Amino acid sequence: MNTDTSYKPRKRPSQARSSVTYNAILESAARVLVEAGVESTTTNKIAETAGTSIGTLYEYFPSKEAIFAELIRKLDQQMADSVISVFSTMTIVKPAQLIEAIVRARVKEAVSFPELDKLLRALVPAHLFKLQMKNTHSRFYDGMKQFVDSNPTIVRVRNVDKSIELGTLVVESTIRAIAANTPERLHDEDFIQELIDLMCRYILDDQSYCP
């Protein structure tokens, strides 16, 4: 039976050369998993595809489950960084444009790896990423709180904590559901625009600011 320990790397790289090997293992695992399927994704196959030895792979990861978990961590971090970076444009764009940019950033990340994300989340227990999601939510909250404070006259939310929680849940669950079941709809501009419009009308009091 897998334990939480078996889902953790033995070590992470500390030098540029080891980072190359480490990332090659992760990238190869992603490619093998999507192309060959779960049953054919073995540590031997991953090491072979990465161009490294099985011994080197085991220096970093105790199991393929640990590789899968690290892939999720990396993809989630990439997604969070992409979405949260949008807040750096806050002072140079209009509120509705900021909301649109946030939604589009999340859609863009989902489009990048829909099949991989679906496979990984079926293989790795969700509870392992509670702390990671908590940290991401904290970063997102800080950005949204600044947004609310900067736009007090046009933001309609009554409870910032609850509104951020609900808004995040709506966007995240919608995009994850679409990516898992009908990923082609992530390329449907009408659908994306409706999601943007939904969030704008929820957050902004003055509807003239919406698209």
N, C-alpha and C. Protein backbone atom coordinates (compact mmCIF):
# COMPACT_ATOMS: atom_id res chain seq x y z
N MET A 1 0.85 -1.20 0.00
CA MET A 1 0.00 0.00 0.00
C MET A 1 0.88 1.25 0.00
N ASN A 2 0.52 2.21 -0.83
CA ASN A 2 1.29 3.45 -0.90
C ASN A 2 1.04 4.31 0.34
N THR A 3 2.09 4.91 0.86
CA THR A 3 1.98 5.84 1.96
C THR A 3 2.29 7.23 1.44
N ASP A 4 2.04 8.25 2.28
CA ASP A 4 2.36 9.61 1.86
C ASP A 4 3.83 9.75 1.53
N THR A 5 4.68 9.00 2.25
CA THR A 5 6.13 9.07 2.02
C THR A 5 6.49 8.63 0.61
N SER A 6 5.77 7.63 0.10
CA SER A 6 6.08 7.12 -1.24
C SER A 6 5.71 8.11 -2.33
N TYR A 7 4.99 9.16 -1.98
CA TYR A 7 4.61 10.19 -2.94
C TYR A 7 5.54 11.40 -2.89
N LYS A 8 6.61 11.31 -2.10
CA LYS A 8 7.53 12.44 -1.97
C LYS A 8 8.88 12.12 -2.60
N PRO A 9 9.52 13.11 -3.24
CA PRO A 9 10.87 12.88 -3.77
C PRO A 9 11.84 12.55 -2.65
N ARG A 10 12.85 11.76 -2.98
CA ARG A 10 13.91 11.51 -1.99
C ARG A 10 14.74 12.78 -1.78
N LYS A 11 14.95 13.49 -2.89
CA LYS A 11 15.65 14.77 -2.81
C LYS A 11 15.31 15.58 -4.03
N ARG A 12 15.51 16.87 -3.92
CA ARG A 12 15.33 17.76 -5.06
C ARG A 12 16.70 18.31 -5.46
N PRO A 13 16.86 18.68 -6.72
CA PRO A 13 18.18 19.11 -7.21
C PRO A 13 18.67 20.39 -6.55
N SER A 14 19.96 20.46 -6.34
CA SER A 14 20.55 21.66 -5.75
C SER A 14 21.52 22.36 -6.70
N GLN A 15 21.81 21.70 -7.84
CA GLN A 15 22.73 22.27 -8.82
C GLN A 15 22.09 22.22 -10.21
N ALA A 16 22.62 23.06 -11.10
CA ALA A 16 22.05 23.16 -12.45
C ALA A 16 22.05 21.82 -13.17
N ARG A 17 23.15 21.07 -13.06
CA ARG A 17 23.26 19.80 -13.77
C ARG A 17 22.22 18.81 -13.27
N SER A 18 22.06 18.73 -11.95
CA SER A 18 21.08 17.80 -11.40
C SER A 18 19.66 18.25 -11.72
N SER A 19 19.45 19.56 -11.86
CA SER A 19 18.13 20.07 -12.24
C SER A 19 17.73 19.61 -13.63
N VAL A 20 18.71 19.54 -14.52
CA VAL A 20 18.45 19.07 -15.88
C VAL A 20 17.97 17.63 -15.85
N THR A 21 18.65 16.79 -15.08
CA THR A 21 18.26 15.38 -14.96
C THR A 21 16.89 15.25 -14.31
N TYR A 22 16.70 15.99 -13.24
CA TYR A 22 15.44 15.95 -12.50
C TYR A 22 14.26 16.32 -13.40
N ASN A 23 14.41 17.41 -14.12
CA ASN A 23 13.34 17.87 -15.01
C ASN A 23 13.13 16.92 -16.19
N ALA A 24 14.21 16.30 -16.65
CA ALA A 24 14.10 15.33 -17.74
C ALA A 24 13.27 14.13 -17.29
N ILE A 25 13.44 13.71 -16.06
CA ILE A 25 12.66 12.60 -15.52
C ILE A 25 11.18 12.97 -15.47
N LEU A 26 10.89 14.17 -14.99
CA LEU A 26 9.50 14.62 -14.91
C LEU A 26 8.87 14.74 -16.30
N GLU A 27 9.59 15.35 -17.23
CA GLU A 27 9.07 15.53 -18.59
C GLU A 27 8.86 14.19 -19.28
N SER A 28 9.76 13.26 -19.05
CA SER A 28 9.64 11.93 -19.66
C SER A 28 8.46 11.17 -19.06
N ALA A 29 8.26 11.30 -17.76
CA ALA A 29 7.12 10.65 -17.12
C ALA A 29 5.82 11.17 -17.69
N ALA A 30 5.74 12.47 -17.90
CA ALA A 30 4.54 13.07 -18.48
C ALA A 30 4.29 12.55 -19.89
N ARG A 31 5.34 12.48 -20.68
CA ARG A 31 5.20 12.01 -22.06
C ARG A 31 4.80 10.54 -22.12
N VAL A 32 5.44 9.72 -21.32
CA VAL A 32 5.13 8.28 -21.32
C VAL A 32 3.71 8.04 -20.83
N LEU A 33 3.32 8.75 -19.78
CA LEU A 33 1.98 8.56 -19.22
C LEU A 33 0.90 8.89 -20.23
N VAL A 34 1.05 10.00 -20.94
CA VAL A 34 0.05 10.41 -21.92
C VAL A 34 0.07 9.50 -23.16
N GLU A 35 1.26 9.15 -23.61
CA GLU A 35 1.37 8.37 -24.85
C GLU A 35 1.16 6.88 -24.67
N ALA A 36 1.60 6.33 -23.53
CA ALA A 36 1.56 4.87 -23.35
C ALA A 36 0.51 4.41 -22.35
N GLY A 37 0.04 5.30 -21.50
CA GLY A 37 -0.97 4.92 -20.52
C GLY A 37 -0.37 4.54 -19.18
N VAL A 38 -1.23 4.41 -18.19
CA VAL A 38 -0.79 4.17 -16.82
C VAL A 38 -0.04 2.86 -16.67
N GLU A 39 -0.57 1.78 -17.20
CA GLU A 39 0.03 0.46 -17.01
C GLU A 39 1.43 0.36 -17.62
N SER A 40 1.65 1.07 -18.69
CA SER A 40 2.95 0.99 -19.37
C SER A 40 3.95 2.02 -18.84
N THR A 41 3.51 2.85 -17.92
CA THR A 41 4.41 3.86 -17.36
C THR A 41 5.12 3.27 -16.15
N THR A 42 6.32 2.79 -16.36
CA THR A 42 7.14 2.21 -15.30
C THR A 42 8.36 3.09 -15.08
N THR A 43 9.00 2.90 -13.94
CA THR A 43 10.21 3.69 -13.67
C THR A 43 11.30 3.37 -14.69
N ASN A 44 11.37 2.12 -15.13
CA ASN A 44 12.36 1.74 -16.15
C ASN A 44 12.10 2.49 -17.46
N LYS A 45 10.83 2.55 -17.86
CA LYS A 45 10.47 3.23 -19.10
C LYS A 45 10.73 4.73 -18.98
N ILE A 46 10.43 5.29 -17.83
CA ILE A 46 10.66 6.72 -17.61
C ILE A 46 12.15 7.03 -17.69
N ALA A 47 12.97 6.22 -17.02
CA ALA A 47 14.42 6.43 -17.02
C ALA A 47 14.98 6.30 -18.44
N GLU A 48 14.51 5.30 -19.16
CA GLU A 48 14.97 5.09 -20.54
C GLU A 48 14.63 6.30 -21.42
N THR A 49 13.40 6.79 -21.30
CA THR A 49 12.96 7.93 -22.09
C THR A 49 13.73 9.20 -21.72
N ALA A 50 14.08 9.31 -20.44
CA ALA A 50 14.82 10.49 -19.97
C ALA A 50 16.30 10.42 -20.31
N GLY A 51 16.76 9.25 -20.78
CA GLY A 51 18.17 9.10 -21.10
C GLY A 51 19.05 9.02 -19.88
N THR A 52 18.51 8.46 -18.80
CA THR A 52 19.28 8.32 -17.57
C THR A 52 19.15 6.90 -17.05
N SER A 53 19.89 6.56 -16.03
CA SER A 53 19.84 5.21 -15.48
C SER A 53 18.73 5.09 -14.45
N ILE A 54 18.28 3.86 -14.22
CA ILE A 54 17.25 3.64 -13.21
C ILE A 54 17.80 3.99 -11.83
N GLY A 55 19.09 3.79 -11.63
CA GLY A 55 19.71 4.14 -10.36
C GLY A 55 19.64 5.63 -10.09
N THR A 56 19.89 6.43 -11.14
CA THR A 56 19.82 7.89 -10.99
C THR A 56 18.39 8.32 -10.70
N LEU A 57 17.43 7.71 -11.38
CA LEU A 57 16.02 8.03 -11.12
C LEU A 57 15.69 7.78 -9.65
N TYR A 58 16.14 6.63 -9.13
CA TYR A 58 15.83 6.29 -7.74
C TYR A 58 16.59 7.16 -6.73
N GLU A 59 17.61 7.84 -7.18
CA GLU A 59 18.27 8.80 -6.28
C GLU A 59 17.32 9.95 -5.93
N TYR A 60 16.44 10.27 -6.88
CA TYR A 60 15.52 11.39 -6.68
C TYR A 60 14.12 10.93 -6.24
N PHE A 61 13.65 9.81 -6.77
CA PHE A 61 12.28 9.39 -6.52
C PHE A 61 12.22 7.93 -6.06
N PRO A 62 11.46 7.64 -5.00
CA PRO A 62 11.35 6.26 -4.53
C PRO A 62 10.39 5.41 -5.36
N SER A 63 9.55 6.06 -6.16
CA SER A 63 8.53 5.33 -6.91
C SER A 63 7.99 6.20 -8.04
N LYS A 64 7.26 5.57 -8.94
CA LYS A 64 6.65 6.37 -10.00
C LYS A 64 5.54 7.26 -9.43
N GLU A 65 4.92 6.81 -8.31
CA GLU A 65 3.90 7.64 -7.67
C GLU A 65 4.49 8.97 -7.20
N ALA A 66 5.73 8.91 -6.71
CA ALA A 66 6.40 10.14 -6.27
C ALA A 66 6.64 11.07 -7.46
N ILE A 67 6.93 10.49 -8.61
CA ILE A 67 7.13 11.30 -9.83
C ILE A 67 5.80 11.94 -10.22
N PHE A 68 4.72 11.17 -10.17
CA PHE A 68 3.40 11.72 -10.52
C PHE A 68 3.03 12.87 -9.58
N ALA A 69 3.27 12.67 -8.29
CA ALA A 69 2.94 13.72 -7.31
C ALA A 69 3.76 14.98 -7.56
N GLU A 70 5.02 14.80 -7.91
CA GLU A 70 5.87 15.95 -8.17
C GLU A 70 5.45 16.67 -9.45
N LEU A 71 4.95 15.91 -10.41
CA LEU A 71 4.42 16.51 -11.64
C LEU A 71 3.21 17.39 -11.33
N ILE A 72 2.31 16.90 -10.48
CA ILE A 72 1.15 17.71 -10.10
C ILE A 72 1.60 18.98 -9.39
N ARG A 73 2.55 18.82 -8.45
CA ARG A 73 3.05 19.98 -7.72
C ARG A 73 3.61 21.02 -8.67
N LYS A 74 4.38 20.54 -9.66
CA LYS A 74 5.01 21.45 -10.62
C LYS A 74 3.96 22.13 -11.51
N LEU A 75 2.98 21.37 -11.98
CA LEU A 75 1.95 21.93 -12.84
C LEU A 75 1.06 22.91 -12.08
N ASP A 76 0.73 22.58 -10.84
CA ASP A 76 -0.08 23.48 -10.02
C ASP A 76 0.68 24.77 -9.73
N GLN A 77 1.97 24.65 -9.47
CA GLN A 77 2.79 25.84 -9.20
C GLN A 77 2.87 26.72 -10.43
N GLN A 78 3.03 26.08 -11.59
CA GLN A 78 3.08 26.81 -12.85
C GLN A 78 1.77 27.54 -13.08
N MET A 79 0.65 26.86 -12.82
CA MET A 79 -0.66 27.48 -13.00
C MET A 79 -0.84 28.67 -12.06
N ALA A 80 -0.49 28.45 -10.79
CA ALA A 80 -0.66 29.52 -9.80
C ALA A 80 0.20 30.74 -10.15
N ASP A 81 1.44 30.50 -10.54
CA ASP A 81 2.34 31.61 -10.89
C ASP A 81 1.79 32.40 -12.07
N SER A 82 1.26 31.66 -13.06
CA SER A 82 0.73 32.30 -14.25
C SER A 82 -0.46 33.19 -13.93
N VAL A 83 -1.39 32.65 -13.12
CA VAL A 83 -2.59 33.41 -12.79
C VAL A 83 -2.27 34.59 -11.87
N ILE A 84 -1.46 34.34 -10.85
CA ILE A 84 -1.16 35.38 -9.86
C ILE A 84 -0.31 36.50 -10.46
N SER A 85 0.49 36.17 -11.48
CA SER A 85 1.32 37.20 -12.11
C SER A 85 0.47 38.28 -12.77
N VAL A 86 -0.78 37.96 -13.08
CA VAL A 86 -1.68 38.93 -13.71
C VAL A 86 -1.87 40.15 -12.82
N PHE A 87 -1.80 39.94 -11.50
CA PHE A 87 -2.02 41.07 -10.59
C PHE A 87 -0.97 42.16 -10.73
N SER A 88 0.16 41.83 -11.33
CA SER A 88 1.20 42.85 -11.53
C SER A 88 0.76 43.90 -12.54
N THR A 89 -0.29 43.61 -13.32
CA THR A 89 -0.81 44.57 -14.31
C THR A 89 -1.93 45.42 -13.74
N MET A 90 -2.22 45.23 -12.46
CA MET A 90 -3.39 45.85 -11.84
C MET A 90 -3.47 47.37 -12.03
N THR A 91 -2.33 48.04 -11.94
CA THR A 91 -2.34 49.50 -11.99
C THR A 91 -2.38 50.06 -13.42
N ILE A 92 -2.29 49.18 -14.42
CA ILE A 92 -2.26 49.70 -15.78
C ILE A 92 -3.42 49.19 -16.65
N VAL A 93 -4.32 48.41 -16.05
CA VAL A 93 -5.48 47.95 -16.81
C VAL A 93 -6.75 48.25 -16.03
N LYS A 94 -7.88 48.24 -16.71
CA LYS A 94 -9.17 48.46 -16.08
C LYS A 94 -9.59 47.20 -15.31
N PRO A 95 -10.46 47.34 -14.30
CA PRO A 95 -10.88 46.19 -13.49
C PRO A 95 -11.41 45.01 -14.32
N ALA A 96 -12.26 45.29 -15.30
CA ALA A 96 -12.81 44.22 -16.12
C ALA A 96 -11.72 43.52 -16.92
N GLN A 97 -10.72 44.28 -17.35
CA GLN A 97 -9.60 43.69 -18.10
C GLN A 97 -8.76 42.79 -17.20
N LEU A 98 -8.64 43.18 -15.93
CA LEU A 98 -7.89 42.35 -14.99
C LEU A 98 -8.61 41.02 -14.78
N ILE A 99 -9.91 41.06 -14.57
CA ILE A 99 -10.70 39.84 -14.38
C ILE A 99 -10.59 38.95 -15.61
N GLU A 100 -10.70 39.56 -16.77
CA GLU A 100 -10.57 38.79 -18.01
C GLU A 100 -9.20 38.14 -18.11
N ALA A 101 -8.15 38.88 -17.76
CA ALA A 101 -6.78 38.35 -17.85
C ALA A 101 -6.59 37.17 -16.90
N ILE A 102 -7.19 37.24 -15.72
CA ILE A 102 -7.09 36.15 -14.75
C ILE A 102 -7.74 34.88 -15.31
N VAL A 103 -8.95 35.02 -15.83
CA VAL A 103 -9.65 33.86 -16.39
C VAL A 103 -8.89 33.28 -17.57
N ARG A 104 -8.42 34.14 -18.45
CA ARG A 104 -7.70 33.65 -19.63
C ARG A 104 -6.37 32.99 -19.26
N ALA A 105 -5.71 33.49 -18.24
CA ALA A 105 -4.47 32.87 -17.79
C ALA A 105 -4.73 31.46 -17.30
N ARG A 106 -5.84 31.29 -16.58
CA ARG A 106 -6.19 29.94 -16.07
C ARG A 106 -6.57 29.02 -17.21
N VAL A 107 -7.31 29.51 -18.17
CA VAL A 107 -7.69 28.70 -19.33
C VAL A 107 -6.44 28.29 -20.12
N LYS A 108 -5.53 29.22 -20.29
CA LYS A 108 -4.30 28.94 -21.03
C LYS A 108 -3.52 27.80 -20.40
N GLU A 109 -3.42 27.80 -19.08
CA GLU A 109 -2.71 26.71 -18.40
C GLU A 109 -3.44 25.39 -18.56
N ALA A 110 -4.77 25.43 -18.51
CA ALA A 110 -5.56 24.20 -18.67
C ALA A 110 -5.41 23.61 -20.06
N VAL A 111 -5.34 24.48 -21.05
CA VAL A 111 -5.18 24.03 -22.44
C VAL A 111 -3.83 23.34 -22.64
N SER A 112 -2.85 23.71 -21.84
CA SER A 112 -1.49 23.19 -22.02
C SER A 112 -1.36 21.70 -21.71
N PHE A 113 -2.18 21.20 -20.76
CA PHE A 113 -1.99 19.80 -20.36
C PHE A 113 -3.28 19.15 -19.85
N PRO A 114 -4.39 19.20 -20.59
CA PRO A 114 -5.66 18.65 -20.08
C PRO A 114 -5.62 17.16 -19.81
N GLU A 115 -5.06 16.37 -20.74
CA GLU A 115 -5.05 14.92 -20.57
C GLU A 115 -4.10 14.52 -19.45
N LEU A 116 -2.95 15.16 -19.36
CA LEU A 116 -1.99 14.86 -18.31
C LEU A 116 -2.57 15.17 -16.94
N ASP A 117 -3.19 16.31 -16.78
CA ASP A 117 -3.77 16.70 -15.51
C ASP A 117 -4.84 15.71 -15.07
N LYS A 118 -5.67 15.29 -16.00
CA LYS A 118 -6.74 14.33 -15.70
C LYS A 118 -6.16 13.00 -15.23
N LEU A 119 -5.14 12.51 -15.92
CA LEU A 119 -4.52 11.24 -15.54
C LEU A 119 -3.86 11.32 -14.18
N LEU A 120 -3.12 12.38 -13.94
CA LEU A 120 -2.38 12.52 -12.69
C LEU A 120 -3.31 12.58 -11.49
N ARG A 121 -4.40 13.30 -11.63
CA ARG A 121 -5.30 13.47 -10.48
C ARG A 121 -6.08 12.20 -10.16
N ALA A 122 -6.11 11.27 -11.09
CA ALA A 122 -6.71 9.97 -10.82
C ALA A 122 -5.73 9.03 -10.12
N LEU A 123 -4.44 9.40 -10.12
CA LEU A 123 -3.39 8.53 -9.59
C LEU A 123 -2.85 8.98 -8.24
N VAL A 124 -3.02 10.24 -7.91
CA VAL A 124 -2.41 10.80 -6.69
C VAL A 124 -3.49 11.33 -5.76
N PRO A 125 -3.46 10.96 -4.49
CA PRO A 125 -4.47 11.42 -3.52
C PRO A 125 -4.50 12.94 -3.40
N ALA A 126 -5.70 13.50 -3.45
CA ALA A 126 -5.85 14.95 -3.42
C ALA A 126 -5.38 15.56 -2.11
N HIS A 127 -5.48 14.81 -1.01
CA HIS A 127 -5.15 15.39 0.29
C HIS A 127 -3.68 15.77 0.41
N LEU A 128 -2.84 15.22 -0.49
CA LEU A 128 -1.42 15.53 -0.44
C LEU A 128 -1.13 16.98 -0.83
N PHE A 129 -2.10 17.64 -1.45
CA PHE A 129 -1.87 18.97 -1.98
C PHE A 129 -2.67 20.05 -1.27
N LYS A 130 -3.19 19.72 -0.08
CA LYS A 130 -3.97 20.71 0.67
C LYS A 130 -3.12 21.92 1.04
N LEU A 131 -1.92 21.69 1.53
CA LEU A 131 -1.06 22.80 1.92
C LEU A 131 -0.68 23.65 0.73
N GLN A 132 -0.38 22.98 -0.40
CA GLN A 132 -0.02 23.71 -1.61
C GLN A 132 -1.18 24.60 -2.06
N MET A 133 -2.40 24.05 -2.04
CA MET A 133 -3.57 24.82 -2.44
C MET A 133 -3.85 25.96 -1.46
N LYS A 134 -3.58 25.71 -0.18
CA LYS A 134 -3.75 26.75 0.83
C LYS A 134 -2.80 27.92 0.57
N ASN A 135 -1.56 27.60 0.22
CA ASN A 135 -0.58 28.64 -0.08
C ASN A 135 -0.96 29.42 -1.33
N THR A 136 -1.44 28.70 -2.35
CA THR A 136 -1.88 29.35 -3.58
C THR A 136 -3.06 30.28 -3.31
N HIS A 137 -4.01 29.79 -2.52
CA HIS A 137 -5.18 30.60 -2.19
C HIS A 137 -4.77 31.86 -1.42
N SER A 138 -3.78 31.71 -0.54
CA SER A 138 -3.31 32.86 0.24
C SER A 138 -2.71 33.92 -0.68
N ARG A 139 -1.93 33.49 -1.66
CA ARG A 139 -1.33 34.41 -2.62
C ARG A 139 -2.42 35.09 -3.46
N PHE A 140 -3.40 34.29 -3.88
CA PHE A 140 -4.48 34.83 -4.70
C PHE A 140 -5.33 35.80 -3.87
N TYR A 141 -5.54 35.46 -2.61
CA TYR A 141 -6.32 36.33 -1.73
C TYR A 141 -5.64 37.70 -1.60
N ASP A 142 -4.33 37.70 -1.42
CA ASP A 142 -3.60 38.96 -1.28
C ASP A 142 -3.80 39.85 -2.50
N GLY A 143 -3.74 39.23 -3.69
CA GLY A 143 -3.94 39.99 -4.92
C GLY A 143 -5.35 40.52 -5.05
N MET A 144 -6.34 39.67 -4.73
CA MET A 144 -7.73 40.09 -4.84
C MET A 144 -8.08 41.13 -3.79
N LYS A 145 -7.51 41.00 -2.61
CA LYS A 145 -7.77 41.99 -1.55
C LYS A 145 -7.25 43.36 -2.00
N GLN A 146 -6.10 43.38 -2.63
CA GLN A 146 -5.56 44.63 -3.14
C GLN A 146 -6.47 45.19 -4.24
N PHE A 147 -6.99 44.28 -5.08
CA PHE A 147 -7.92 44.68 -6.14
C PHE A 147 -9.18 45.31 -5.55
N VAL A 148 -9.75 44.66 -4.53
CA VAL A 148 -10.97 45.18 -3.89
C VAL A 148 -10.71 46.53 -3.24
N ASP A 149 -9.58 46.62 -2.54
CA ASP A 149 -9.25 47.89 -1.86
C ASP A 149 -8.99 49.02 -2.85
N SER A 150 -8.51 48.66 -4.05
CA SER A 150 -8.19 49.67 -5.06
C SER A 150 -9.41 50.11 -5.85
N ASN A 151 -10.50 49.34 -5.74
CA ASN A 151 -11.70 49.64 -6.52
C ASN A 151 -12.96 49.61 -5.64
N PRO A 152 -12.96 50.36 -4.55
CA PRO A 152 -14.06 50.26 -3.58
C PRO A 152 -15.42 50.69 -4.12
N THR A 153 -15.44 51.56 -5.11
CA THR A 153 -16.73 52.09 -5.59
C THR A 153 -17.39 51.22 -6.65
N ILE A 154 -16.65 50.30 -7.24
CA ILE A 154 -17.26 49.49 -8.31
C ILE A 154 -17.27 48.00 -8.01
N VAL A 155 -16.70 47.61 -6.88
CA VAL A 155 -16.71 46.19 -6.51
C VAL A 155 -17.90 45.93 -5.60
N ARG A 156 -18.71 44.91 -5.95
CA ARG A 156 -19.96 44.68 -5.25
C ARG A 156 -19.86 43.64 -4.13
N VAL A 157 -18.73 42.98 -3.94
CA VAL A 157 -18.66 41.90 -2.97
C VAL A 157 -18.82 42.45 -1.55
N ARG A 158 -19.58 41.71 -0.72
CA ARG A 158 -19.82 42.12 0.66
C ARG A 158 -18.82 41.50 1.63
N ASN A 159 -18.43 40.28 1.34
CA ASN A 159 -17.49 39.57 2.20
C ASN A 159 -16.33 39.10 1.35
N VAL A 160 -15.17 39.72 1.52
CA VAL A 160 -14.03 39.44 0.65
C VAL A 160 -13.62 37.97 0.73
N ASP A 161 -13.50 37.44 1.94
CA ASP A 161 -13.07 36.04 2.09
C ASP A 161 -14.01 35.09 1.36
N LYS A 162 -15.31 35.25 1.62
CA LYS A 162 -16.30 34.35 1.01
C LYS A 162 -16.34 34.52 -0.50
N SER A 163 -16.23 35.76 -0.96
CA SER A 163 -16.30 36.04 -2.39
C SER A 163 -15.11 35.45 -3.14
N ILE A 164 -13.92 35.59 -2.54
CA ILE A 164 -12.74 35.02 -3.18
C ILE A 164 -12.83 33.50 -3.21
N GLU A 165 -13.31 32.93 -2.12
CA GLU A 165 -13.48 31.48 -2.07
C GLU A 165 -14.46 31.00 -3.13
N LEU A 166 -15.60 31.67 -3.23
CA LEU A 166 -16.61 31.29 -4.21
C LEU A 166 -16.14 31.51 -5.63
N GLY A 167 -15.56 32.68 -5.89
CA GLY A 167 -15.09 32.97 -7.25
C GLY A 167 -14.02 32.01 -7.71
N THR A 168 -13.09 31.69 -6.81
CA THR A 168 -12.04 30.73 -7.15
C THR A 168 -12.63 29.36 -7.43
N LEU A 169 -13.59 28.94 -6.60
CA LEU A 169 -14.24 27.64 -6.77
C LEU A 169 -14.97 27.55 -8.10
N VAL A 170 -15.69 28.62 -8.46
CA VAL A 170 -16.45 28.63 -9.71
C VAL A 170 -15.52 28.50 -10.92
N VAL A 171 -14.49 29.34 -10.97
CA VAL A 171 -13.57 29.31 -12.11
C VAL A 171 -12.80 27.98 -12.15
N GLU A 172 -12.26 27.57 -11.01
CA GLU A 172 -11.43 26.37 -10.98
C GLU A 172 -12.23 25.11 -11.30
N SER A 173 -13.38 24.95 -10.66
CA SER A 173 -14.17 23.74 -10.89
C SER A 173 -14.71 23.69 -12.32
N THR A 174 -15.09 24.85 -12.85
CA THR A 174 -15.60 24.89 -14.23
C THR A 174 -14.51 24.50 -15.22
N ILE A 175 -13.35 25.09 -15.08
CA ILE A 175 -12.27 24.81 -16.02
C ILE A 175 -11.77 23.37 -15.88
N ARG A 176 -11.66 22.88 -14.64
CA ARG A 176 -11.22 21.49 -14.44
C ARG A 176 -12.22 20.51 -15.04
N ALA A 177 -13.51 20.78 -14.86
CA ALA A 177 -14.55 19.89 -15.40
C ALA A 177 -14.51 19.86 -16.92
N ILE A 178 -14.37 21.03 -17.52
CA ILE A 178 -14.31 21.11 -18.98
C ILE A 178 -13.04 20.43 -19.50
N ALA A 179 -11.90 20.68 -18.84
CA ALA A 179 -10.64 20.09 -19.27
C ALA A 179 -10.68 18.57 -19.18
N ALA A 180 -11.38 18.05 -18.17
CA ALA A 180 -11.42 16.60 -17.97
C ALA A 180 -12.39 15.90 -18.92
N ASN A 181 -13.46 16.60 -19.31
CA ASN A 181 -14.52 15.93 -20.08
C ASN A 181 -14.64 16.37 -21.53
N THR A 182 -14.55 17.67 -21.77
CA THR A 182 -14.65 18.18 -23.15
C THR A 182 -13.59 19.27 -23.36
N PRO A 183 -12.32 18.89 -23.36
CA PRO A 183 -11.23 19.88 -23.44
C PRO A 183 -11.28 20.77 -24.67
N GLU A 184 -11.92 20.32 -25.73
CA GLU A 184 -12.00 21.14 -26.93
C GLU A 184 -12.77 22.44 -26.67
N ARG A 185 -13.61 22.44 -25.65
CA ARG A 185 -14.39 23.64 -25.36
C ARG A 185 -13.53 24.74 -24.75
N LEU A 186 -12.35 24.40 -24.31
CA LEU A 186 -11.44 25.43 -23.80
C LEU A 186 -10.94 26.33 -24.93
N HIS A 187 -11.17 25.91 -26.16
CA HIS A 187 -10.80 26.71 -27.32
C HIS A 187 -12.01 27.48 -27.88
N ASP A 188 -13.16 27.32 -27.22
CA ASP A 188 -14.40 27.97 -27.68
C ASP A 188 -14.45 29.38 -27.10
N GLU A 189 -14.21 30.36 -27.93
CA GLU A 189 -14.14 31.74 -27.47
C GLU A 189 -15.46 32.21 -26.86
N ASP A 190 -16.58 31.76 -27.39
CA ASP A 190 -17.87 32.15 -26.82
C ASP A 190 -18.01 31.64 -25.39
N PHE A 191 -17.57 30.40 -25.17
CA PHE A 191 -17.65 29.82 -23.83
C PHE A 191 -16.75 30.58 -22.86
N ILE A 192 -15.53 30.87 -23.28
CA ILE A 192 -14.59 31.59 -22.42
C ILE A 192 -15.13 32.98 -22.10
N GLN A 193 -15.72 33.63 -23.10
CA GLN A 193 -16.25 34.98 -22.89
C GLN A 193 -17.41 34.96 -21.91
N GLU A 194 -18.23 33.89 -21.95
CA GLU A 194 -19.34 33.78 -21.01
C GLU A 194 -18.82 33.63 -19.58
N LEU A 195 -17.74 32.88 -19.41
CA LEU A 195 -17.15 32.70 -18.07
C LEU A 195 -16.58 34.02 -17.57
N ILE A 196 -15.92 34.75 -18.45
CA ILE A 196 -15.40 36.07 -18.09
C ILE A 196 -16.55 36.99 -17.68
N ASP A 197 -17.60 36.98 -18.47
CA ASP A 197 -18.76 37.84 -18.21
C ASP A 197 -19.41 37.47 -16.87
N LEU A 198 -19.50 36.18 -16.59
CA LEU A 198 -20.06 35.70 -15.33
C LEU A 198 -19.30 36.27 -14.14
N MET A 199 -17.96 36.21 -14.20
CA MET A 199 -17.15 36.69 -13.09
C MET A 199 -17.19 38.21 -12.97
N CYS A 200 -17.19 38.90 -14.10
CA CYS A 200 -17.28 40.37 -14.06
C CYS A 200 -18.59 40.82 -13.42
N ARG A 201 -19.68 40.18 -13.80
CA ARG A 201 -20.99 40.58 -13.27
C ARG A 201 -21.14 40.20 -11.81
N TYR A 202 -20.41 39.21 -11.37
CA TYR A 202 -20.44 38.85 -9.94
C TYR A 202 -19.61 39.84 -9.11
N ILE A 203 -18.47 40.23 -9.63
CA ILE A 203 -17.53 41.04 -8.84
C ILE A 203 -17.79 42.54 -8.94
N LEU A 204 -18.16 43.00 -10.13
CA LEU A 204 -18.28 44.45 -10.35
C LEU A 204 -19.71 44.94 -10.17
N ASP A 205 -19.89 45.99 -9.40
CA ASP A 205 -21.22 46.52 -9.10
C ASP A 205 -21.81 47.25 -10.30
N ASP A 206 -20.98 48.02 -10.98
CA ASP A 206 -21.42 48.78 -12.14
C ASP A 206 -21.26 47.90 -13.38
N GLN A 207 -22.39 47.44 -13.94
CA GLN A 207 -22.35 46.51 -15.05
C GLN A 207 -21.79 47.12 -16.33
N SER A 208 -21.71 48.44 -16.36
CA SER A 208 -21.14 49.08 -17.55
C SER A 208 -19.65 48.78 -17.69
N TYR A 209 -19.03 48.31 -16.59
CA TYR A 209 -17.63 47.94 -16.65
C TYR A 209 -17.41 46.57 -17.25
N CYS A 210 -18.50 45.79 -17.37
CA CYS A 210 -18.37 44.43 -17.89
C CYS A 210 -18.22 44.47 -19.40
N PRO A 211 -17.69 43.39 -19.99
CA PRO A 211 -17.51 43.34 -21.44
C PRO A 211 -18.84 43.48 -22.17
